Amino acid sequence: MRTSTITDKGHSPNLDTILMIEGILSKRHEFASKNKLRLSLPKQLQYKTFNKILDYLEESNKIAYNKDGSIFWIFAQGPKFERLEKESVRLK
């Protein structure tokens, strides 16, 4: 895991921007590179802000990187996951 840049001052992303990137990643599930993801965004972002969002998503276990630099959406969500979570047995 990379050193956290979430607490750095400046280039603070707003919630709409974070949700925009989360939405694109959760729909496509995979991008070959950061640049491919960045080019698919409907609006341009400063590179430091873009990287800060990706760092946040990685630290919150929503994305992971492959050795070749590709980005994967790994966050489990949706009705099927919620049903499985409710039906699962909690271990003590």
PDB file of N, CA and C in Angstrom:
ATOM      1  N   MET A   1       0.848  -1.179   0.000  1.00  0.00           N
ATOM      2  CA  MET A   1       0.000   0.000   0.000  1.00  0.00           C
ATOM      3  C   MET A   1       0.887   1.232   0.000  1.00  0.00           C
ATOM      4  N   ARG A   2       0.458   2.244  -0.678  1.00  0.00           N
ATOM      5  CA  ARG A   2       1.216   3.476  -0.772  1.00  0.00           C
ATOM      6  C   ARG A   2       1.071   4.317   0.488  1.00  0.00           C
ATOM      7  N   THR A   3       1.968   5.261   0.631  1.00  0.00           N
ATOM      8  CA  THR A   3       1.874   6.204   1.735  1.00  0.00           C
ATOM      9  C   THR A   3       0.628   7.054   1.538  1.00  0.00           C
ATOM     10  N   SER A   4      -0.100   7.274   2.600  1.00  0.00           N
ATOM     11  CA  SER A   4      -1.357   8.001   2.508  1.00  0.00           C
ATOM     12  C   SER A   4      -1.137   9.453   2.116  1.00  0.00           C
ATOM     13  N   THR A   5      -1.909   9.891   1.134  1.00  0.00           N
ATOM     14  CA  THR A   5      -1.908  11.300   0.762  1.00  0.00           C
ATOM     15  C   THR A   5      -3.263  11.921   1.060  1.00  0.00           C
ATOM     16  N   ILE A   6      -4.117  11.154   1.701  1.00  0.00           N
ATOM     17  CA  ILE A   6      -5.463  11.635   1.971  1.00  0.00           C
ATOM     18  C   ILE A   6      -5.447  12.837   2.897  1.00  0.00           C
ATOM     19  N   THR A   7      -4.529  12.860   3.846  1.00  0.00           N
ATOM     20  CA  THR A   7      -4.490  13.948   4.821  1.00  0.00           C
ATOM     21  C   THR A   7      -3.674  15.144   4.341  1.00  0.00           C
ATOM     22  N   ASP A   8      -3.080  15.078   3.142  1.00  0.00           N
ATOM     23  CA  ASP A   8      -2.324  16.202   2.606  1.00  0.00           C
ATOM     24  C   ASP A   8      -3.229  17.407   2.409  1.00  0.00           C
ATOM     25  N   LYS A   9      -2.672  18.584   2.588  1.00  0.00           N
ATOM     26  CA  LYS A   9      -3.416  19.819   2.347  1.00  0.00           C
ATOM     27  C   LYS A   9      -3.420  20.129   0.858  1.00  0.00           C
ATOM     28  N   GLY A  10      -4.462  20.742   0.387  1.00  0.00           N
ATOM     29  CA  GLY A  10      -4.560  21.123  -1.021  1.00  0.00           C
ATOM     30  C   GLY A  10      -5.102  19.998  -1.876  1.00  0.00           C
ATOM     31  N   HIS A  11      -5.635  20.356  -3.017  1.00  0.00           N
ATOM     32  CA  HIS A  11      -6.182  19.398  -3.970  1.00  0.00           C
ATOM     33  C   HIS A  11      -7.220  18.485  -3.328  1.00  0.00           C
ATOM     34  N   SER A  12      -8.034  19.040  -2.469  1.00  0.00           N
ATOM     35  CA  SER A  12      -9.072  18.235  -1.804  1.00  0.00           C
ATOM     36  C   SER A  12     -10.240  18.012  -2.741  1.00  0.00           C
ATOM     37  N   PRO A  13     -10.527  16.754  -3.039  1.00  0.00           N
ATOM     38  CA  PRO A  13     -11.658  16.471  -3.929  1.00  0.00           C
ATOM     39  C   PRO A  13     -12.982  16.653  -3.205  1.00  0.00           C
ATOM     40  N   ASN A  14     -14.000  17.048  -3.949  1.00  0.00           N
ATOM     41  CA  ASN A  14     -15.319  17.137  -3.330  1.00  0.00           C
ATOM     42  C   ASN A  14     -16.039  15.798  -3.493  1.00  0.00           C
ATOM     43  N   LEU A  15     -17.110  15.632  -2.778  1.00  0.00           N
ATOM     44  CA  LEU A  15     -17.835  14.366  -2.767  1.00  0.00           C
ATOM     45  C   LEU A  15     -18.339  13.991  -4.152  1.00  0.00           C
ATOM     46  N   ASP A  16     -18.835  14.946  -4.910  1.00  0.00           N
ATOM     47  CA  ASP A  16     -19.337  14.659  -6.256  1.00  0.00           C
ATOM     48  C   ASP A  16     -18.252  14.047  -7.141  1.00  0.00           C
ATOM     49  N   THR A  17     -17.031  14.552  -7.011  1.00  0.00           N
ATOM     50  CA  THR A  17     -15.921  14.046  -7.815  1.00  0.00           C
ATOM     51  C   THR A  17     -15.548  12.628  -7.401  1.00  0.00           C
ATOM     52  N   ILE A  18     -15.522  12.369  -6.105  1.00  0.00           N
ATOM     53  CA  ILE A  18     -15.232  11.015  -5.612  1.00  0.00           C
ATOM     54  C   ILE A  18     -16.297  10.048  -6.106  1.00  0.00           C
ATOM     55  N   LEU A  19     -17.558  10.435  -5.978  1.00  0.00           N
ATOM     56  CA  LEU A  19     -18.656   9.568  -6.411  1.00  0.00           C
ATOM     57  C   LEU A  19     -18.638   9.334  -7.924  1.00  0.00           C
ATOM     58  N   MET A  20     -18.226  10.339  -8.679  1.00  0.00           N
ATOM     59  CA  MET A  20     -18.121  10.197 -10.129  1.00  0.00           C
ATOM     60  C   MET A  20     -17.106   9.101 -10.475  1.00  0.00           C
ATOM     61  N   ILE A  21     -15.949   9.136  -9.851  1.00  0.00           N
ATOM     62  CA  ILE A  21     -14.915   8.139 -10.123  1.00  0.00           C
ATOM     63  C   ILE A  21     -15.338   6.769  -9.619  1.00  0.00           C
ATOM     64  N   GLU A  22     -15.937   6.715  -8.427  1.00  0.00           N
ATOM     65  CA  GLU A  22     -16.447   5.438  -7.907  1.00  0.00           C
ATOM     66  C   GLU A  22     -17.474   4.836  -8.865  1.00  0.00           C
ATOM     67  N   GLY A  23     -18.374   5.657  -9.383  1.00  0.00           N
ATOM     68  CA  GLY A  23     -19.411   5.182 -10.285  1.00  0.00           C
ATOM     69  C   GLY A  23     -18.840   4.585 -11.560  1.00  0.00           C
ATOM     70  N   ILE A  24     -17.865   5.253 -12.130  1.00  0.00           N
ATOM     71  CA  ILE A  24     -17.244   4.753 -13.359  1.00  0.00           C
ATOM     72  C   ILE A  24     -16.508   3.448 -13.087  1.00  0.00           C
ATOM     73  N   LEU A  25     -15.756   3.390 -11.995  1.00  0.00           N
ATOM     74  CA  LEU A  25     -15.021   2.167 -11.667  1.00  0.00           C
ATOM     75  C   LEU A  25     -15.956   1.006 -11.341  1.00  0.00           C
ATOM     76  N   SER A  26     -17.028   1.280 -10.604  1.00  0.00           N
ATOM     77  CA  SER A  26     -17.935   0.190 -10.221  1.00  0.00           C
ATOM     78  C   SER A  26     -18.717  -0.354 -11.416  1.00  0.00           C
ATOM     79  N   LYS A  27     -18.922   0.454 -12.450  1.00  0.00           N
ATOM     80  CA  LYS A  27     -19.622  -0.018 -13.645  1.00  0.00           C
ATOM     81  C   LYS A  27     -18.701  -0.793 -14.586  1.00  0.00           C
ATOM     82  N   ARG A  28     -17.493  -0.287 -14.779  1.00  0.00           N
ATOM     83  CA  ARG A  28     -16.561  -0.920 -15.721  1.00  0.00           C
ATOM     84  C   ARG A  28     -15.722  -2.014 -15.065  1.00  0.00           C
ATOM     85  N   HIS A  29     -15.481  -1.916 -13.768  1.00  0.00           N
ATOM     86  CA  HIS A  29     -14.728  -2.881 -12.960  1.00  0.00           C
ATOM     87  C   HIS A  29     -13.235  -2.933 -13.235  1.00  0.00           C
ATOM     88  N   GLU A  30     -12.774  -2.479 -14.376  1.00  0.00           N
ATOM     89  CA  GLU A  30     -11.352  -2.593 -14.689  1.00  0.00           C
ATOM     90  C   GLU A  30     -10.924  -1.527 -15.692  1.00  0.00           C
ATOM     91  N   PHE A  31      -9.740  -0.972 -15.449  1.00  0.00           N
ATOM     92  CA  PHE A  31      -9.108  -0.065 -16.397  1.00  0.00           C
ATOM     93  C   PHE A  31      -7.655  -0.490 -16.529  1.00  0.00           C
ATOM     94  N   ALA A  32      -7.133  -0.437 -17.734  1.00  0.00           N
ATOM     95  CA  ALA A  32      -5.774  -0.896 -17.998  1.00  0.00           C
ATOM     96  C   ALA A  32      -4.717  -0.007 -17.337  1.00  0.00           C
ATOM     97  N   SER A  33      -5.072   1.242 -17.058  1.00  0.00           N
ATOM     98  CA  SER A  33      -4.107   2.157 -16.442  1.00  0.00           C
ATOM     99  C   SER A  33      -4.840   3.340 -15.825  1.00  0.00           C
ATOM    100  N   LYS A  34      -4.122   4.089 -15.018  1.00  0.00           N
ATOM    101  CA  LYS A  34      -4.681   5.325 -14.458  1.00  0.00           C
ATOM    102  C   LYS A  34      -5.057   6.281 -15.581  1.00  0.00           C
ATOM    103  N   ASN A  35      -4.208   6.346 -16.593  1.00  0.00           N
ATOM    104  CA  ASN A  35      -4.455   7.266 -17.694  1.00  0.00           C
ATOM    105  C   ASN A  35      -5.741   6.916 -18.435  1.00  0.00           C
ATOM    106  N   LYS A  36      -5.990   5.625 -18.662  1.00  0.00           N
ATOM    107  CA  LYS A  36      -7.235   5.213 -19.335  1.00  0.00           C
ATOM    108  C   LYS A  36      -8.452   5.610 -18.511  1.00  0.00           C
ATOM    109  N   LEU A  37      -8.354   5.434 -17.186  1.00  0.00           N
ATOM    110  CA  LEU A  37      -9.454   5.855 -16.308  1.00  0.00           C
ATOM    111  C   LEU A  37      -9.627   7.362 -16.383  1.00  0.00           C
ATOM    112  N   ARG A  38      -8.550   8.085 -16.277  1.00  0.00           N
ATOM    113  CA  ARG A  38      -8.614   9.553 -16.290  1.00  0.00           C
ATOM    114  C   ARG A  38      -9.222  10.068 -17.593  1.00  0.00           C
ATOM    115  N   LEU A  39      -8.881   9.444 -18.712  1.00  0.00           N
ATOM    116  CA  LEU A  39      -9.430   9.871 -20.000  1.00  0.00           C
ATOM    117  C   LEU A  39     -10.912   9.549 -20.143  1.00  0.00           C
ATOM    118  N   SER A  40     -11.405   8.587 -19.354  1.00  0.00           N
ATOM    119  CA  SER A  40     -12.823   8.213 -19.443  1.00  0.00           C
ATOM    120  C   SER A  40     -13.724   9.108 -18.591  1.00  0.00           C
ATOM    121  N   LEU A  41     -13.136   9.991 -17.784  1.00  0.00           N
ATOM    122  CA  LEU A  41     -13.928  10.857 -16.916  1.00  0.00           C
ATOM    123  C   LEU A  41     -14.645  11.934 -17.730  1.00  0.00           C
ATOM    124  N   PRO A  42     -15.864  12.299 -17.322  1.00  0.00           N
ATOM    125  CA  PRO A  42     -16.608  13.322 -18.058  1.00  0.00           C
ATOM    126  C   PRO A  42     -16.064  14.737 -17.875  1.00  0.00           C
ATOM    127  N   LYS A  43     -15.194  14.931 -16.876  1.00  0.00           N
ATOM    128  CA  LYS A  43     -14.571  16.250 -16.696  1.00  0.00           C
ATOM    129  C   LYS A  43     -13.121  16.060 -16.299  1.00  0.00           C
ATOM    130  N   GLN A  44     -12.318  17.073 -16.568  1.00  0.00           N
ATOM    131  CA  GLN A  44     -10.900  17.003 -16.252  1.00  0.00           C
ATOM    132  C   GLN A  44     -10.665  17.304 -14.785  1.00  0.00           C
ATOM    133  N   LEU A  45      -9.657  16.634 -14.217  1.00  0.00           N
ATOM    134  CA  LEU A  45      -9.256  16.861 -12.835  1.00  0.00           C
ATOM    135  C   LEU A  45      -7.771  17.156 -12.792  1.00  0.00           C
ATOM    136  N   GLN A  46      -7.362  17.888 -11.782  1.00  0.00           N
ATOM    137  CA  GLN A  46      -5.937  18.033 -11.560  1.00  0.00           C
ATOM    138  C   GLN A  46      -5.381  16.667 -11.190  1.00  0.00           C
ATOM    139  N   TYR A  47      -4.165  16.386 -11.653  1.00  0.00           N
ATOM    140  CA  TYR A  47      -3.589  15.060 -11.463  1.00  0.00           C
ATOM    141  C   TYR A  47      -3.427  14.713  -9.981  1.00  0.00           C
ATOM    142  N   LYS A  48      -3.040  15.695  -9.149  1.00  0.00           N
ATOM    143  CA  LYS A  48      -2.890  15.422  -7.714  1.00  0.00           C
ATOM    144  C   LYS A  48      -4.231  15.077  -7.072  1.00  0.00           C
ATOM    145  N   THR A  49      -5.289  15.745  -7.482  1.00  0.00           N
ATOM    146  CA  THR A  49      -6.621  15.451  -6.957  1.00  0.00           C
ATOM    147  C   THR A  49      -7.062  14.060  -7.388  1.00  0.00           C
ATOM    148  N   PHE A  50      -6.839  13.726  -8.641  1.00  0.00           N
ATOM    149  CA  PHE A  50      -7.163  12.401  -9.170  1.00  0.00           C
ATOM    150  C   PHE A  50      -6.429  11.312  -8.380  1.00  0.00           C
ATOM    151  N   ASN A  51      -5.141  11.511  -8.153  1.00  0.00           N
ATOM    152  CA  ASN A  51      -4.356  10.530  -7.397  1.00  0.00           C
ATOM    153  C   ASN A  51      -4.820  10.429  -5.947  1.00  0.00           C
ATOM    154  N   LYS A  52      -5.210  11.540  -5.368  1.00  0.00           N
ATOM    155  CA  LYS A  52      -5.697  11.522  -3.985  1.00  0.00           C
ATOM    156  C   LYS A  52      -6.970  10.681  -3.880  1.00  0.00           C
ATOM    157  N   ILE A  53      -7.853  10.795  -4.855  1.00  0.00           N
ATOM    158  CA  ILE A  53      -9.080   9.988  -4.865  1.00  0.00           C
ATOM    159  C   ILE A  53      -8.734   8.511  -5.007  1.00  0.00           C
ATOM    160  N   LEU A  54      -7.815   8.172  -5.898  1.00  0.00           N
ATOM    161  CA  LEU A  54      -7.418   6.779  -6.058  1.00  0.00           C
ATOM    162  C   LEU A  54      -6.767   6.231  -4.793  1.00  0.00           C
ATOM    163  N   ASP A  55      -5.970   7.051  -4.120  1.00  0.00           N
ATOM    164  CA  ASP A  55      -5.378   6.623  -2.847  1.00  0.00           C
ATOM    165  C   ASP A  55      -6.470   6.338  -1.820  1.00  0.00           C
ATOM    166  N   TYR A  56      -7.463   7.212  -1.759  1.00  0.00           N
ATOM    167  CA  TYR A  56      -8.584   7.004  -0.832  1.00  0.00           C
ATOM    168  C   TYR A  56      -9.324   5.708  -1.149  1.00  0.00           C
ATOM    169  N   LEU A  57      -9.605   5.470  -2.432  1.00  0.00           N
ATOM    170  CA  LEU A  57     -10.333   4.264  -2.832  1.00  0.00           C
ATOM    171  C   LEU A  57      -9.528   3.000  -2.533  1.00  0.00           C
ATOM    172  N   GLU A  58      -8.221   3.088  -2.687  1.00  0.00           N
ATOM    173  CA  GLU A  58      -7.369   1.937  -2.366  1.00  0.00           C
ATOM    174  C   GLU A  58      -7.343   1.686  -0.855  1.00  0.00           C
ATOM    175  N   GLU A  59      -7.195   2.740  -0.084  1.00  0.00           N
ATOM    176  CA  GLU A  59      -7.144   2.599   1.368  1.00  0.00           C
ATOM    177  C   GLU A  59      -8.470   2.140   1.961  1.00  0.00           C
ATOM    178  N   SER A  60      -9.572   2.426   1.288  1.00  0.00           N
ATOM    179  CA  SER A  60     -10.884   1.985   1.768  1.00  0.00           C
ATOM    180  C   SER A  60     -11.291   0.644   1.150  1.00  0.00           C
ATOM    181  N   ASN A  61     -10.321  -0.030   0.506  1.00  0.00           N
ATOM    182  CA  ASN A  61     -10.520  -1.364  -0.081  1.00  0.00           C
ATOM    183  C   ASN A  61     -11.627  -1.410  -1.128  1.00  0.00           C
ATOM    184  N   LYS A  62     -11.688  -0.375  -1.937  1.00  0.00           N
ATOM    185  CA  LYS A  62     -12.643  -0.361  -3.037  1.00  0.00           C
ATOM    186  C   LYS A  62     -11.969  -0.668  -4.367  1.00  0.00           C
ATOM    187  N   ILE A  63     -10.671  -0.366  -4.475  1.00  0.00           N
ATOM    188  CA  ILE A  63      -9.919  -0.690  -5.684  1.00  0.00           C
ATOM    189  C   ILE A  63      -8.615  -1.390  -5.296  1.00  0.00           C
ATOM    190  N   ALA A  64      -8.049  -2.067  -6.276  1.00  0.00           N
ATOM    191  CA  ALA A  64      -6.733  -2.686  -6.120  1.00  0.00           C
ATOM    192  C   ALA A  64      -5.989  -2.511  -7.438  1.00  0.00           C
ATOM    193  N   TYR A  65      -4.675  -2.543  -7.345  1.00  0.00           N
ATOM    194  CA  TYR A  65      -3.830  -2.418  -8.528  1.00  0.00           C
ATOM    195  C   TYR A  65      -3.180  -3.761  -8.841  1.00  0.00           C
ATOM    196  N   ASN A  66      -3.098  -4.067 -10.117  1.00  0.00           N
ATOM    197  CA  ASN A  66      -2.368  -5.233 -10.570  1.00  0.00           C
ATOM    198  C   ASN A  66      -0.904  -4.825 -10.751  1.00  0.00           C
ATOM    199  N   LYS A  67      -0.011  -5.795 -10.889  1.00  0.00           N
ATOM    200  CA  LYS A  67       1.412  -5.493 -11.066  1.00  0.00           C
ATOM    201  C   LYS A  67       1.683  -4.658 -12.304  1.00  0.00           C
ATOM    202  N   ASP A  68       0.841  -4.794 -13.313  1.00  0.00           N
ATOM    203  CA  ASP A  68       1.042  -4.040 -14.550  1.00  0.00           C
ATOM    204  C   ASP A  68       0.447  -2.631 -14.500  1.00  0.00           C
ATOM    205  N   GLY A  69      -0.126  -2.254 -13.347  1.00  0.00           N
ATOM    206  CA  GLY A  69      -0.679  -0.914 -13.194  1.00  0.00           C
ATOM    207  C   GLY A  69      -2.165  -0.801 -13.472  1.00  0.00           C
ATOM    208  N   SER A  70      -2.789  -1.901 -13.877  1.00  0.00           N
ATOM    209  CA  SER A  70      -4.229  -1.845 -14.120  1.00  0.00           C
ATOM    210  C   SER A  70      -4.978  -1.730 -12.793  1.00  0.00           C
ATOM    211  N   ILE A  71      -6.158  -1.141 -12.862  1.00  0.00           N
ATOM    212  CA  ILE A  71      -6.964  -0.839 -11.681  1.00  0.00           C
ATOM    213  C   ILE A  71      -8.219  -1.699 -11.717  1.00  0.00           C
ATOM    214  N   PHE A  72      -8.549  -2.317 -10.566  1.00  0.00           N
ATOM    215  CA  PHE A  72      -9.727  -3.169 -10.466  1.00  0.00           C
ATOM    216  C   PHE A  72     -10.644  -2.687  -9.357  1.00  0.00           C
ATOM    217  N   TRP A  73     -11.940  -2.671  -9.601  1.00  0.00           N
ATOM    218  CA  TRP A  73     -12.951  -2.387  -8.589  1.00  0.00           C
ATOM    219  C   TRP A  73     -13.179  -3.686  -7.825  1.00  0.00           C
ATOM    220  N   ILE A  74     -12.961  -3.687  -6.500  1.00  0.00           N
ATOM    221  CA  ILE A  74     -13.069  -4.910  -5.705  1.00  0.00           C
ATOM    222  C   ILE A  74     -14.114  -4.811  -4.606  1.00  0.00           C
ATOM    223  N   PHE A  75     -14.780  -3.686  -4.504  1.00  0.00           N
ATOM    224  CA  PHE A  75     -15.755  -3.468  -3.435  1.00  0.00           C
ATOM    225  C   PHE A  75     -17.031  -4.247  -3.723  1.00  0.00           C
ATOM    226  N   ALA A  76     -17.443  -5.072  -2.768  1.00  0.00           N
ATOM    227  CA  ALA A  76     -18.675  -5.861  -2.930  1.00  0.00           C
ATOM    228  C   ALA A  76     -19.877  -4.997  -2.569  1.00  0.00           C
ATOM    229  N   GLN A  77     -20.884  -5.018  -3.424  1.00  0.00           N
ATOM    230  CA  GLN A  77     -22.078  -4.195  -3.199  1.00  0.00           C
ATOM    231  C   GLN A  77     -23.259  -4.773  -3.946  1.00  0.00           C
ATOM    232  N   GLY A  78     -24.416  -4.255  -3.683  1.00  0.00           N
ATOM    233  CA  GLY A  78     -25.607  -4.638  -4.411  1.00  0.00           C
ATOM    234  C   GLY A  78     -26.507  -5.576  -3.638  1.00  0.00           C
ATOM    235  N   PRO A  79     -27.684  -5.857  -4.193  1.00  0.00           N
ATOM    236  CA  PRO A  79     -28.682  -6.675  -3.489  1.00  0.00           C
ATOM    237  C   PRO A  79     -28.204  -8.101  -3.221  1.00  0.00           C
ATOM    238  N   LYS A  80     -27.466  -8.698  -4.161  1.00  0.00           N
ATOM    239  CA  LYS A  80     -26.986 -10.060  -3.953  1.00  0.00           C
ATOM    240  C   LYS A  80     -26.017 -10.109  -2.770  1.00  0.00           C
ATOM    241  N   PHE A  81     -25.104  -9.146  -2.693  1.00  0.00           N
ATOM    242  CA  PHE A  81     -24.164  -9.097  -1.582  1.00  0.00           C
ATOM    243  C   PHE A  81     -24.894  -8.853  -0.263  1.00  0.00           C
ATOM    244  N   GLU A  82     -25.865  -7.951  -0.267  1.00  0.00           N
ATOM    245  CA  GLU A  82     -26.612  -7.659   0.964  1.00  0.00           C
ATOM    246  C   GLU A  82     -27.359  -8.892   1.457  1.00  0.00           C
ATOM    247  N   ARG A  83     -27.938  -9.670   0.537  1.00  0.00           N
ATOM    248  CA  ARG A  83     -28.626 -10.899   0.918  1.00  0.00           C
ATOM    249  C   ARG A  83     -27.645 -11.906   1.506  1.00  0.00           C
ATOM    250  N   LEU A  84     -26.498 -12.074   0.873  1.00  0.00           N
ATOM    251  CA  LEU A  84     -25.486 -13.003   1.382  1.00  0.00           C
ATOM    252  C   LEU A  84     -24.976 -12.581   2.750  1.00  0.00           C
ATOM    253  N   GLU A  85     -24.811 -11.282   2.934  1.00  0.00           N
ATOM    254  CA  GLU A  85     -24.342 -10.776   4.220  1.00  0.00           C
ATOM    255  C   GLU A  85     -25.362 -11.056   5.326  1.00  0.00           C
ATOM    256  N   LYS A  86     -26.654 -10.857   5.035  1.00  0.00           N
ATOM    257  CA  LYS A  86     -27.705 -11.111   6.025  1.00  0.00           C
ATOM    258  C   LYS A  86     -27.810 -12.589   6.372  1.00  0.00           C
ATOM    259  N   GLU A  87     -27.603 -13.458   5.367  1.00  0.00           N
ATOM    260  CA  GLU A  87     -27.731 -14.889   5.569  1.00  0.00           C
ATOM    261  C   GLU A  87     -26.482 -15.541   6.172  1.00  0.00           C
ATOM    262  N   SER A  88     -25.378 -14.801   6.192  1.00  0.00           N
ATOM    263  CA  SER A  88     -24.131 -15.387   6.670  1.00  0.00           C
ATOM    264  C   SER A  88     -24.159 -15.580   8.193  1.00  0.00           C
ATOM    265  N   VAL A  89     -23.372 -16.516   8.651  1.00  0.00           N
ATOM    266  CA  VAL A  89     -23.269 -16.822  10.076  1.00  0.00           C
ATOM    267  C   VAL A  89     -22.053 -16.069  10.618  1.00  0.00           C
ATOM    268  N   ARG A  90     -22.266 -15.320  11.673  1.00  0.00           N
ATOM    269  CA  ARG A  90     -21.170 -14.578  12.290  1.00  0.00           C
ATOM    270  C   ARG A  90     -20.439 -15.481  13.277  1.00  0.00           C
ATOM    271  N   LEU A  91     -19.101 -15.528  13.151  1.00  0.00           N
ATOM    272  CA  LEU A  91     -18.295 -16.311  14.070  1.00  0.00           C
ATOM    273  C   LEU A  91     -17.881 -15.444  15.243  1.00  0.00           C
ATOM    274  N   LYS A  92     -17.827 -16.053  16.413  1.00  0.00           N
ATOM    275  CA  LYS A  92     -17.419 -15.302  17.607  1.00  0.00           C
ATOM    276  C   LYS A  92     -15.934 -15.338  17.799  1.00  0.00           C
TER     277      LYS A  92
END
